[in-house]
């Protein structure tokens, strides 16, 4: 069967998978919102904002590095593996009702 790599390749923006950049933007907006709310309650120093920006930049560079190595969408794969995939896989024949015997 003929495959088209340009169609099957995940869409990318700024050298990262689109899903990863959407999660990165959501994380950035969430951190800005949280700092805005917390800033109204307590005094937050400039160092906290600097650390958040640096963490975002390091995460962006890390995701670009993973995309260049042709890894799957890292954040989505990690979340899926951690929370949604089953921990055990059953190998063997499927159980049959009544242990394979006919209706009694």
PDB file of N, CA and C in Angstrom:
ATOM      1  N   UNK A   1       0.837  -1.169   0.000  1.00  0.00           N
ATOM      2  CA  UNK A   1       0.000   0.000   0.000  1.00  0.00           C
ATOM      3  C   UNK A   1       0.887   1.237   0.000  1.00  0.00           C
ATOM      4  N   UNK A   2       0.538   2.197  -0.775  1.00  0.00           N
ATOM      5  CA  UNK A   2       1.321   3.416  -0.892  1.00  0.00           C
ATOM      6  C   UNK A   2       0.976   4.377   0.246  1.00  0.00           C
ATOM      7  N   UNK A   3       2.003   4.934   0.874  1.00  0.00           N
ATOM      8  CA  UNK A   3       1.768   5.889   1.963  1.00  0.00           C
ATOM      9  C   UNK A   3       2.373   7.225   1.579  1.00  0.00           C
ATOM     10  N   UNK A   4       1.780   8.277   2.080  1.00  0.00           N
ATOM     11  CA  UNK A   4       2.248   9.625   1.840  1.00  0.00           C
ATOM     12  C   UNK A   4       2.738  10.202   3.159  1.00  0.00           C
ATOM     13  N   UNK A   5       4.034  10.363   3.285  1.00  0.00           N
ATOM     14  CA  UNK A   5       4.613  10.834   4.539  1.00  0.00           C
ATOM     15  C   UNK A   5       4.170  12.246   4.895  1.00  0.00           C
ATOM     16  N   UNK A   6       3.954  13.100   3.886  1.00  0.00           N
ATOM     17  CA  UNK A   6       3.553  14.475   4.191  1.00  0.00           C
ATOM     18  C   UNK A   6       2.149  14.527   4.784  1.00  0.00           C
ATOM     19  N   UNK A   7       1.300  13.574   4.436  1.00  0.00           N
ATOM     20  CA  UNK A   7      -0.053  13.548   4.983  1.00  0.00           C
ATOM     21  C   UNK A   7      -0.051  12.899   6.363  1.00  0.00           C
ATOM     22  N   UNK A   8       0.728  11.843   6.554  1.00  0.00           N
ATOM     23  CA  UNK A   8       0.729  11.103   7.810  1.00  0.00           C
ATOM     24  C   UNK A   8       1.521  11.788   8.909  1.00  0.00           C
ATOM     25  N   UNK A   9       2.387  12.689   8.555  1.00  0.00           N
ATOM     26  CA  UNK A   9       3.193  13.380   9.554  1.00  0.00           C
ATOM     27  C   UNK A   9       2.309  14.327  10.361  1.00  0.00           C
ATOM     28  N   UNK A  10       2.501  14.375  11.687  1.00  0.00           N
ATOM     29  CA  UNK A  10       1.674  15.290  12.484  1.00  0.00           C
ATOM     30  C   UNK A  10       1.967  16.741  12.137  1.00  0.00           C
ATOM     31  N   UNK A  11       0.956  17.576  12.254  1.00  0.00           N
ATOM     32  CA  UNK A  11       1.144  18.988  11.929  1.00  0.00           C
ATOM     33  C   UNK A  11       2.074  19.626  12.952  1.00  0.00           C
ATOM     34  N   UNK A  12       2.905  20.551  12.484  1.00  0.00           N
ATOM     35  CA  UNK A  12       3.903  21.170  13.343  1.00  0.00           C
ATOM     36  C   UNK A  12       3.841  22.683  13.241  1.00  0.00           C
ATOM     37  N   UNK A  13       4.117  23.343  14.370  1.00  0.00           N
ATOM     38  CA  UNK A  13       4.222  24.787  14.448  1.00  0.00           C
ATOM     39  C   UNK A  13       5.482  25.075  15.243  1.00  0.00           C
ATOM     40  N   UNK A  14       6.338  25.942  14.727  1.00  0.00           N
ATOM     41  CA  UNK A  14       7.601  26.289  15.382  1.00  0.00           C
ATOM     42  C   UNK A  14       8.464  25.072  15.669  1.00  0.00           C
ATOM     43  N   UNK A  15       8.386  24.049  14.828  1.00  0.00           N
ATOM     44  CA  UNK A  15       9.208  22.865  14.992  1.00  0.00           C
ATOM     45  C   UNK A  15       8.706  21.892  16.042  1.00  0.00           C
ATOM     46  N   UNK A  16       7.476  22.075  16.543  1.00  0.00           N
ATOM     47  CA  UNK A  16       6.908  21.176  17.547  1.00  0.00           C
ATOM     48  C   UNK A  16       5.576  20.649  17.047  1.00  0.00           C
ATOM     49  N   UNK A  17       5.194  19.482  17.567  1.00  0.00           N
ATOM     50  CA  UNK A  17       3.874  18.960  17.227  1.00  0.00           C
ATOM     51  C   UNK A  17       2.810  19.934  17.701  1.00  0.00           C
ATOM     52  N   UNK A  18       1.732  20.034  16.956  1.00  0.00           N
ATOM     53  CA  UNK A  18       0.681  20.988  17.273  1.00  0.00           C
ATOM     54  C   UNK A  18       0.053  20.711  18.637  1.00  0.00           C
ATOM     55  N   UNK A  19      -0.131  19.446  18.971  1.00  0.00           N
ATOM     56  CA  UNK A  19      -0.703  19.117  20.277  1.00  0.00           C
ATOM     57  C   UNK A  19       0.205  19.589  21.411  1.00  0.00           C
ATOM     58  N   UNK A  20       1.512  19.418  21.236  1.00  0.00           N
ATOM     59  CA  UNK A  20       2.447  19.840  22.277  1.00  0.00           C
ATOM     60  C   UNK A  20       2.458  21.355  22.437  1.00  0.00           C
ATOM     61  N   UNK A  21       2.384  22.078  21.324  1.00  0.00           N
ATOM     62  CA  UNK A  21       2.407  23.538  21.442  1.00  0.00           C
ATOM     63  C   UNK A  21       1.098  24.056  22.035  1.00  0.00           C
ATOM     64  N   UNK A  22      -0.018  23.386  21.775  1.00  0.00           N
ATOM     65  CA  UNK A  22      -1.269  23.795  22.395  1.00  0.00           C
ATOM     66  C   UNK A  22      -1.235  23.560  23.906  1.00  0.00           C
ATOM     67  N   UNK A  23      -0.654  22.465  24.332  1.00  0.00           N
ATOM     68  CA  UNK A  23      -0.494  22.214  25.767  1.00  0.00           C
ATOM     69  C   UNK A  23       0.458  23.232  26.375  1.00  0.00           C
ATOM     70  N   UNK A  24       1.518  23.577  25.663  1.00  0.00           N
ATOM     71  CA  UNK A  24       2.478  24.569  26.152  1.00  0.00           C
ATOM     72  C   UNK A  24       1.821  25.941  26.296  1.00  0.00           C
ATOM     73  N   UNK A  25       1.022  26.337  25.321  1.00  0.00           N
ATOM     74  CA  UNK A  25       0.317  27.621  25.391  1.00  0.00           C
ATOM     75  C   UNK A  25      -0.704  27.599  26.532  1.00  0.00           C
ATOM     76  N   UNK A  26      -1.402  26.485  26.689  1.00  0.00           N
ATOM     77  CA  UNK A  26      -2.354  26.368  27.795  1.00  0.00           C
ATOM     78  C   UNK A  26      -1.668  26.453  29.150  1.00  0.00           C
ATOM     79  N   UNK A  27      -0.506  25.832  29.262  1.00  0.00           N
ATOM     80  CA  UNK A  27       0.264  25.909  30.504  1.00  0.00           C
ATOM     81  C   UNK A  27       0.719  27.336  30.778  1.00  0.00           C
ATOM     82  N   UNK A  28       1.146  28.027  29.731  1.00  0.00           N
ATOM     83  CA  UNK A  28       1.577  29.413  29.894  1.00  0.00           C
ATOM     84  C   UNK A  28       0.415  30.308  30.320  1.00  0.00           C
ATOM     85  N   UNK A  29      -0.724  30.180  29.647  1.00  0.00           N
ATOM     86  CA  UNK A  29      -1.887  30.991  30.003  1.00  0.00           C
ATOM     87  C   UNK A  29      -2.390  30.670  31.409  1.00  0.00           C
ATOM     88  N   UNK A  30      -2.355  29.390  31.768  1.00  0.00           N
ATOM     89  CA  UNK A  30      -2.756  29.003  33.121  1.00  0.00           C
ATOM     90  C   UNK A  30      -1.830  29.578  34.179  1.00  0.00           C
ATOM     91  N   UNK A  31      -0.525  29.584  33.903  1.00  0.00           N
ATOM     92  CA  UNK A  31       0.413  30.140  34.879  1.00  0.00           C
ATOM     93  C   UNK A  31       0.264  31.660  34.981  1.00  0.00           C
ATOM     94  N   UNK A  32       0.006  32.338  33.867  1.00  0.00           N
ATOM     95  CA  UNK A  32      -0.217  33.793  33.911  1.00  0.00           C
ATOM     96  C   UNK A  32      -1.486  34.099  34.704  1.00  0.00           C
ATOM     97  N   UNK A  33      -2.535  33.329  34.466  1.00  0.00           N
ATOM     98  CA  UNK A  33      -3.787  33.531  35.200  1.00  0.00           C
ATOM     99  C   UNK A  33      -3.592  33.269  36.693  1.00  0.00           C
ATOM    100  N   UNK A  34      -2.900  32.175  37.031  1.00  0.00           N
ATOM    101  CA  UNK A  34      -2.671  31.844  38.439  1.00  0.00           C
ATOM    102  C   UNK A  34      -1.812  32.915  39.117  1.00  0.00           C
ATOM    103  N   UNK A  35      -0.807  33.421  38.438  1.00  0.00           N
ATOM    104  CA  UNK A  35       0.030  34.466  39.031  1.00  0.00           C
ATOM    105  C   UNK A  35      -0.751  35.768  39.188  1.00  0.00           C
ATOM    106  N   UNK A  36      -1.665  36.038  38.278  1.00  0.00           N
ATOM    107  CA  UNK A  36      -2.501  37.230  38.399  1.00  0.00           C
ATOM    108  C   UNK A  36      -3.427  37.153  39.602  1.00  0.00           C
ATOM    109  N   UNK A  37      -4.037  35.992  39.800  1.00  0.00           N
ATOM    110  CA  UNK A  37      -4.928  35.812  40.943  1.00  0.00           C
ATOM    111  C   UNK A  37      -4.127  35.838  42.243  1.00  0.00           C
ATOM    112  N   UNK A  38      -3.003  35.109  42.278  1.00  0.00           N
ATOM    113  CA  UNK A  38      -2.179  35.093  43.486  1.00  0.00           C
ATOM    114  C   UNK A  38      -1.567  36.462  43.767  1.00  0.00           C
ATOM    115  N   UNK A  39      -1.284  37.225  42.713  1.00  0.00           N
ATOM    116  CA  UNK A  39      -0.709  38.557  42.890  1.00  0.00           C
ATOM    117  C   UNK A  39      -1.662  39.516  43.573  1.00  0.00           C
ATOM    118  N   UNK A  40      -2.964  39.258  43.435  1.00  0.00           N
ATOM    119  CA  UNK A  40      -3.940  40.086  44.136  1.00  0.00           C
ATOM    120  C   UNK A  40      -4.023  39.746  45.619  1.00  0.00           C
ATOM    121  N   UNK A  41      -3.652  38.526  45.985  1.00  0.00           N
ATOM    122  CA  UNK A  41      -3.755  38.101  47.381  1.00  0.00           C
ATOM    123  C   UNK A  41      -2.463  38.323  48.168  1.00  0.00           C
ATOM    124  N   UNK A  42      -1.343  37.971  47.558  1.00  0.00           N
ATOM    125  CA  UNK A  42      -0.044  38.107  48.229  1.00  0.00           C
ATOM    126  C   UNK A  42       0.932  38.792  47.274  1.00  0.00           C
ATOM    127  N   UNK A  43       1.998  39.323  47.834  1.00  0.00           N
ATOM    128  CA  UNK A  43       3.010  39.962  46.994  1.00  0.00           C
ATOM    129  C   UNK A  43       3.918  38.893  46.394  1.00  0.00           C
ATOM    130  N   UNK A  44       4.046  38.913  45.076  1.00  0.00           N
ATOM    131  CA  UNK A  44       4.882  37.945  44.367  1.00  0.00           C
ATOM    132  C   UNK A  44       6.068  38.706  43.785  1.00  0.00           C
ATOM    133  N   UNK A  45       7.262  38.202  44.031  1.00  0.00           N
ATOM    134  CA  UNK A  45       8.464  38.881  43.544  1.00  0.00           C
ATOM    135  C   UNK A  45       8.648  38.656  42.048  1.00  0.00           C
ATOM    136  N   UNK A  46       9.522  39.429  41.484  1.00  0.00           N
ATOM    137  CA  UNK A  46       9.820  39.308  40.049  1.00  0.00           C
ATOM    138  C   UNK A  46      10.529  38.008  39.733  1.00  0.00           C
ATOM    139  N   UNK A  47      11.200  37.440  40.724  1.00  0.00           N
ATOM    140  CA  UNK A  47      11.930  36.187  40.499  1.00  0.00           C
ATOM    141  C   UNK A  47      10.977  35.042  40.168  1.00  0.00           C
ATOM    142  N   UNK A  48       9.801  35.053  40.741  1.00  0.00           N
ATOM    143  CA  UNK A  48       8.826  33.999  40.459  1.00  0.00           C
ATOM    144  C   UNK A  48       8.401  34.069  38.994  1.00  0.00           C
ATOM    145  N   UNK A  49       8.146  35.274  38.509  1.00  0.00           N
ATOM    146  CA  UNK A  49       7.781  35.436  37.106  1.00  0.00           C
ATOM    147  C   UNK A  49       8.926  35.015  36.185  1.00  0.00           C
ATOM    148  N   UNK A  50      10.152  35.352  36.572  1.00  0.00           N
ATOM    149  CA  UNK A  50      11.321  34.972  35.783  1.00  0.00           C
ATOM    150  C   UNK A  50      11.479  33.459  35.736  1.00  0.00           C
ATOM    151  N   UNK A  51      11.281  32.790  36.859  1.00  0.00           N
ATOM    152  CA  UNK A  51      11.386  31.329  36.900  1.00  0.00           C
ATOM    153  C   UNK A  51      10.322  30.688  36.020  1.00  0.00           C
ATOM    154  N   UNK A  52       9.101  31.215  36.058  1.00  0.00           N
ATOM    155  CA  UNK A  52       8.028  30.660  35.219  1.00  0.00           C
ATOM    156  C   UNK A  52       8.369  30.814  33.744  1.00  0.00           C
ATOM    157  N   UNK A  53       8.867  31.966  33.353  1.00  0.00           N
ATOM    158  CA  UNK A  53       9.232  32.185  31.951  1.00  0.00           C
ATOM    159  C   UNK A  53      10.380  31.264  31.543  1.00  0.00           C
ATOM    160  N   UNK A  54      11.365  31.096  32.414  1.00  0.00           N
ATOM    161  CA  UNK A  54      12.488  30.206  32.095  1.00  0.00           C
ATOM    162  C   UNK A  54      12.044  28.749  31.988  1.00  0.00           C
ATOM    163  N   UNK A  55      11.147  28.324  32.859  1.00  0.00           N
ATOM    164  CA  UNK A  55      10.628  26.955  32.779  1.00  0.00           C
ATOM    165  C   UNK A  55       9.875  26.748  31.467  1.00  0.00           C
ATOM    166  N   UNK A  56       9.096  27.724  31.070  1.00  0.00           N
ATOM    167  CA  UNK A  56       8.376  27.633  29.790  1.00  0.00           C
ATOM    168  C   UNK A  56       9.346  27.542  28.611  1.00  0.00           C
ATOM    169  N   UNK A  57      10.397  28.344  28.627  1.00  0.00           N
ATOM    170  CA  UNK A  57      11.373  28.313  27.535  1.00  0.00           C
ATOM    171  C   UNK A  57      12.124  26.988  27.484  1.00  0.00           C
ATOM    172  N   UNK A  58      12.509  26.470  28.653  1.00  0.00           N
ATOM    173  CA  UNK A  58      13.202  25.173  28.687  1.00  0.00           C
ATOM    174  C   UNK A  58      12.283  24.068  28.183  1.00  0.00           C
ATOM    175  N   UNK A  59      11.018  24.096  28.583  1.00  0.00           N
ATOM    176  CA  UNK A  59      10.063  23.102  28.107  1.00  0.00           C
ATOM    177  C   UNK A  59       9.863  23.206  26.600  1.00  0.00           C
ATOM    178  N   UNK A  60       9.820  24.431  26.070  1.00  0.00           N
ATOM    179  CA  UNK A  60       9.675  24.605  24.627  1.00  0.00           C
ATOM    180  C   UNK A  60      10.897  24.063  23.882  1.00  0.00           C
ATOM    181  N   UNK A  61      12.088  24.348  24.373  1.00  0.00           N
ATOM    182  CA  UNK A  61      13.297  23.825  23.733  1.00  0.00           C
ATOM    183  C   UNK A  61      13.356  22.307  23.819  1.00  0.00           C
ATOM    184  N   UNK A  62      12.932  21.752  24.947  1.00  0.00           N
ATOM    185  CA  UNK A  62      12.914  20.303  25.108  1.00  0.00           C
ATOM    186  C   UNK A  62      11.937  19.652  24.136  1.00  0.00           C
ATOM    187  N   UNK A  63      10.765  20.241  23.962  1.00  0.00           N
ATOM    188  CA  UNK A  63       9.785  19.687  23.016  1.00  0.00           C
ATOM    189  C   UNK A  63      10.264  19.814  21.575  1.00  0.00           C
ATOM    190  N   UNK A  64      10.967  20.906  21.256  1.00  0.00           N
ATOM    191  CA  UNK A  64      11.531  21.032  19.906  1.00  0.00           C
ATOM    192  C   UNK A  64      12.602  19.980  19.668  1.00  0.00           C
ATOM    193  N   UNK A  65      13.403  19.699  20.696  1.00  0.00           N
ATOM    194  CA  UNK A  65      14.433  18.666  20.581  1.00  0.00           C
ATOM    195  C   UNK A  65      13.798  17.304  20.341  1.00  0.00           C
ATOM    196  N   UNK A  66      12.729  16.997  21.091  1.00  0.00           N
ATOM    197  CA  UNK A  66      12.058  15.714  20.905  1.00  0.00           C
ATOM    198  C   UNK A  66      11.431  15.603  19.525  1.00  0.00           C
ATOM    199  N   UNK A  67      10.889  16.697  19.007  1.00  0.00           N
ATOM    200  CA  UNK A  67      10.295  16.663  17.661  1.00  0.00           C
ATOM    201  C   UNK A  67      11.357  16.444  16.600  1.00  0.00           C
ATOM    202  N   UNK A  68      12.539  16.987  16.817  1.00  0.00           N
ATOM    203  CA  UNK A  68      13.600  16.785  15.821  1.00  0.00           C
ATOM    204  C   UNK A  68      14.099  15.347  15.827  1.00  0.00           C
ATOM    205  N   UNK A  69      13.930  14.640  16.936  1.00  0.00           N
ATOM    206  CA  UNK A  69      14.335  13.229  17.023  1.00  0.00           C
ATOM    207  C   UNK A  69      13.220  12.287  16.590  1.00  0.00           C
ATOM    208  N   UNK A  70      12.141  12.845  16.058  1.00  0.00           N
ATOM    209  CA  UNK A  70      10.988  12.089  15.548  1.00  0.00           C
ATOM    210  C   UNK A  70      10.294  11.281  16.639  1.00  0.00           C
ATOM    211  N   UNK A  71      10.328  11.778  17.864  1.00  0.00           N
ATOM    212  CA  UNK A  71       9.583  11.127  18.940  1.00  0.00           C
ATOM    213  C   UNK A  71       8.106  11.443  18.778  1.00  0.00           C
ATOM    214  N   UNK A  72       7.232  10.597  19.293  1.00  0.00           N
ATOM    215  CA  UNK A  72       5.806  10.955  19.221  1.00  0.00           C
ATOM    216  C   UNK A  72       5.541  12.166  20.087  1.00  0.00           C
ATOM    217  N   UNK A  73       4.375  12.733  19.969  1.00  0.00           N
ATOM    218  CA  UNK A  73       4.021  13.879  20.789  1.00  0.00           C
ATOM    219  C   UNK A  73       4.258  13.543  22.250  1.00  0.00           C
ATOM    220  N   UNK A  74       5.243  14.137  22.847  1.00  0.00           N
ATOM    221  CA  UNK A  74       5.732  13.696  24.145  1.00  0.00           C
ATOM    222  C   UNK A  74       4.705  13.890  25.245  1.00  0.00           C
ATOM    223  N   UNK A  75       4.168  15.081  25.387  1.00  0.00           N
ATOM    224  CA  UNK A  75       3.251  15.344  26.487  1.00  0.00           C
ATOM    225  C   UNK A  75       1.985  14.520  26.382  1.00  0.00           C
ATOM    226  N   UNK A  76       1.425  14.419  25.200  1.00  0.00           N
ATOM    227  CA  UNK A  76       0.199  13.652  25.015  1.00  0.00           C
ATOM    228  C   UNK A  76       0.468  12.171  25.251  1.00  0.00           C
ATOM    229  N   UNK A  77       1.608  11.666  24.774  1.00  0.00           N
ATOM    230  CA  UNK A  77       1.954  10.264  24.993  1.00  0.00           C
ATOM    231  C   UNK A  77       2.181   9.989  26.477  1.00  0.00           C
ATOM    232  N   UNK A  78       2.819  10.900  27.184  1.00  0.00           N
ATOM    233  CA  UNK A  78       3.070  10.707  28.612  1.00  0.00           C
ATOM    234  C   UNK A  78       1.767  10.703  29.403  1.00  0.00           C
ATOM    235  N   UNK A  79       0.884  11.652  29.099  1.00  0.00           N
ATOM    236  CA  UNK A  79      -0.404  11.709  29.805  1.00  0.00           C
ATOM    237  C   UNK A  79      -1.211  10.451  29.516  1.00  0.00           C
ATOM    238  N   UNK A  80      -1.210  10.007  28.275  1.00  0.00           N
ATOM    239  CA  UNK A  80      -1.939   8.803  27.918  1.00  0.00           C
ATOM    240  C   UNK A  80      -1.371   7.595  28.644  1.00  0.00           C
ATOM    241  N   UNK A  81      -0.055   7.464  28.654  1.00  0.00           N
ATOM    242  CA  UNK A  81       0.582   6.327  29.315  1.00  0.00           C
ATOM    243  C   UNK A  81       0.324   6.352  30.816  1.00  0.00           C
ATOM    244  N   UNK A  82       0.404   7.521  31.410  1.00  0.00           N
ATOM    245  CA  UNK A  82       0.307   7.647  32.858  1.00  0.00           C
ATOM    246  C   UNK A  82      -1.112   7.458  33.368  1.00  0.00           C
ATOM    247  N   UNK A  83      -2.114   7.944  32.633  1.00  0.00           N
ATOM    248  CA  UNK A  83      -3.455   7.993  33.186  1.00  0.00           C
ATOM    249  C   UNK A  83      -4.489   7.121  32.469  1.00  0.00           C
ATOM    250  N   UNK A  84      -4.322   6.868  31.178  1.00  0.00           N
ATOM    251  CA  UNK A  84      -5.405   6.231  30.439  1.00  0.00           C
ATOM    252  C   UNK A  84      -5.136   4.790  30.026  1.00  0.00           C
ATOM    253  N   UNK A  85      -3.896   4.381  29.888  1.00  0.00           N
ATOM    254  CA  UNK A  85      -3.612   3.031  29.422  1.00  0.00           C
ATOM    255  C   UNK A  85      -3.696   2.043  30.579  1.00  0.00           C
ATOM    256  N   UNK A  86      -4.163   0.833  30.295  1.00  0.00           N
ATOM    257  CA  UNK A  86      -4.260  -0.154  31.379  1.00  0.00           C
ATOM    258  C   UNK A  86      -2.873  -0.570  31.859  1.00  0.00           C
ATOM    259  N   UNK A  87      -2.779  -0.952  33.115  1.00  0.00           N
ATOM    260  CA  UNK A  87      -1.496  -1.345  33.698  1.00  0.00           C
ATOM    261  C   UNK A  87      -1.107  -2.774  33.332  1.00  0.00           C
ATOM    262  N   UNK A  88      -2.104  -3.637  33.105  1.00  0.00           N
ATOM    263  CA  UNK A  88      -1.821  -5.023  32.757  1.00  0.00           C
ATOM    264  C   UNK A  88      -2.482  -5.368  31.438  1.00  0.00           C
ATOM    265  N   UNK A  89      -1.825  -6.217  30.721  1.00  0.00           N
ATOM    266  CA  UNK A  89      -2.383  -6.708  29.460  1.00  0.00           C
ATOM    267  C   UNK A  89      -2.567  -8.208  29.613  1.00  0.00           C
ATOM    268  N   UNK A  90      -3.759  -8.698  29.372  1.00  0.00           N
ATOM    269  CA  UNK A  90      -4.046 -10.130  29.465  1.00  0.00           C
ATOM    270  C   UNK A  90      -3.660 -10.792  28.158  1.00  0.00           C
ATOM    271  N   UNK A  91      -2.888 -11.854  28.273  1.00  0.00           N
ATOM    272  CA  UNK A  91      -2.473 -12.604  27.096  1.00  0.00           C
ATOM    273  C   UNK A  91      -3.075 -13.996  27.199  1.00  0.00           C
ATOM    274  N   UNK A  92      -3.654 -14.454  26.137  1.00  0.00           N
ATOM    275  CA  UNK A  92      -4.245 -15.787  26.144  1.00  0.00           C
ATOM    276  C   UNK A  92      -5.637 -15.749  25.557  1.00  0.00           C
ATOM    277  N   UNK A  93      -6.315 -16.890  25.686  1.00  0.00           N
ATOM    278  CA  UNK A  93      -7.663 -17.005  25.141  1.00  0.00           C
ATOM    279  C   UNK A  93      -8.636 -16.198  25.991  1.00  0.00           C
ATOM    280  N   UNK A  94      -9.634 -15.666  25.344  1.00  0.00           N
ATOM    281  CA  UNK A  94     -10.658 -14.931  26.061  1.00  0.00           C
ATOM    282  C   UNK A  94     -11.493 -15.894  26.893  1.00  0.00           C
ATOM    283  N   UNK A  95     -11.893 -15.494  28.068  1.00  0.00           N
ATOM    284  CA  UNK A  95     -12.741 -16.393  28.865  1.00  0.00           C
ATOM    285  C   UNK A  95     -14.103 -16.558  28.204  1.00  0.00           C
ATOM    286  N   UNK A  96     -14.598 -17.769  28.258  1.00  0.00           N
ATOM    287  CA  UNK A  96     -15.913 -18.038  27.664  1.00  0.00           C
ATOM    288  C   UNK A  96     -16.921 -18.252  28.782  1.00  0.00           C
ATOM    289  N   UNK A  97     -18.161 -17.875  28.555  1.00  0.00           N
ATOM    290  CA  UNK A  97     -19.161 -18.111  29.589  1.00  0.00           C
ATOM    291  C   UNK A  97     -19.388 -19.618  29.797  1.00  0.00           C
ATOM    292  N   UNK A  98     -19.621 -20.019  31.019  1.00  0.00           N
ATOM    293  CA  UNK A  98     -19.880 -21.424  31.392  1.00  0.00           C
ATOM    294  C   UNK A  98     -18.700 -22.337  31.067  1.00  0.00           C
ATOM    295  N   UNK A  99     -17.508 -21.799  31.057  1.00  0.00           N
ATOM    296  CA  UNK A  99     -16.293 -22.577  30.799  1.00  0.00           C
ATOM    297  C   UNK A  99     -16.345 -23.370  29.492  1.00  0.00           C
ATOM    298  N   UNK A 100     -16.963 -22.799  28.477  1.00  0.00           N
ATOM    299  CA  UNK A 100     -17.006 -23.445  27.181  1.00  0.00           C
ATOM    300  C   UNK A 100     -18.101 -24.507  27.040  1.00  0.00           C
ATOM    301  N   UNK A 101     -18.853 -24.761  28.082  1.00  0.00           N
ATOM    302  CA  UNK A 101     -19.922 -25.773  28.023  1.00  0.00           C
ATOM    303  C   UNK A 101     -21.176 -25.124  27.449  1.00  0.00           C
ATOM    304  N   UNK A 102     -22.032 -25.941  26.972  1.00  0.00           N
ATOM    305  CA  UNK A 102     -23.284 -25.466  26.403  1.00  0.00           C
ATOM    306  C   UNK A 102     -24.208 -24.919  27.467  1.00  0.00           C
ATOM    307  N   UNK A 103     -25.329 -24.422  27.041  1.00  0.00           N
ATOM    308  CA  UNK A 103     -26.308 -23.853  27.949  1.00  0.00           C
ATOM    309  C   UNK A 103     -26.925 -24.955  28.812  1.00  0.00           C
ATOM    310  N   UNK A 104     -26.990 -24.727  30.121  1.00  0.00           N
ATOM    311  CA  UNK A 104     -27.536 -25.758  31.025  1.00  0.00           C
ATOM    312  C   UNK A 104     -28.949 -25.465  31.381  1.00  0.00           C
TER     313      UNK A 104
END
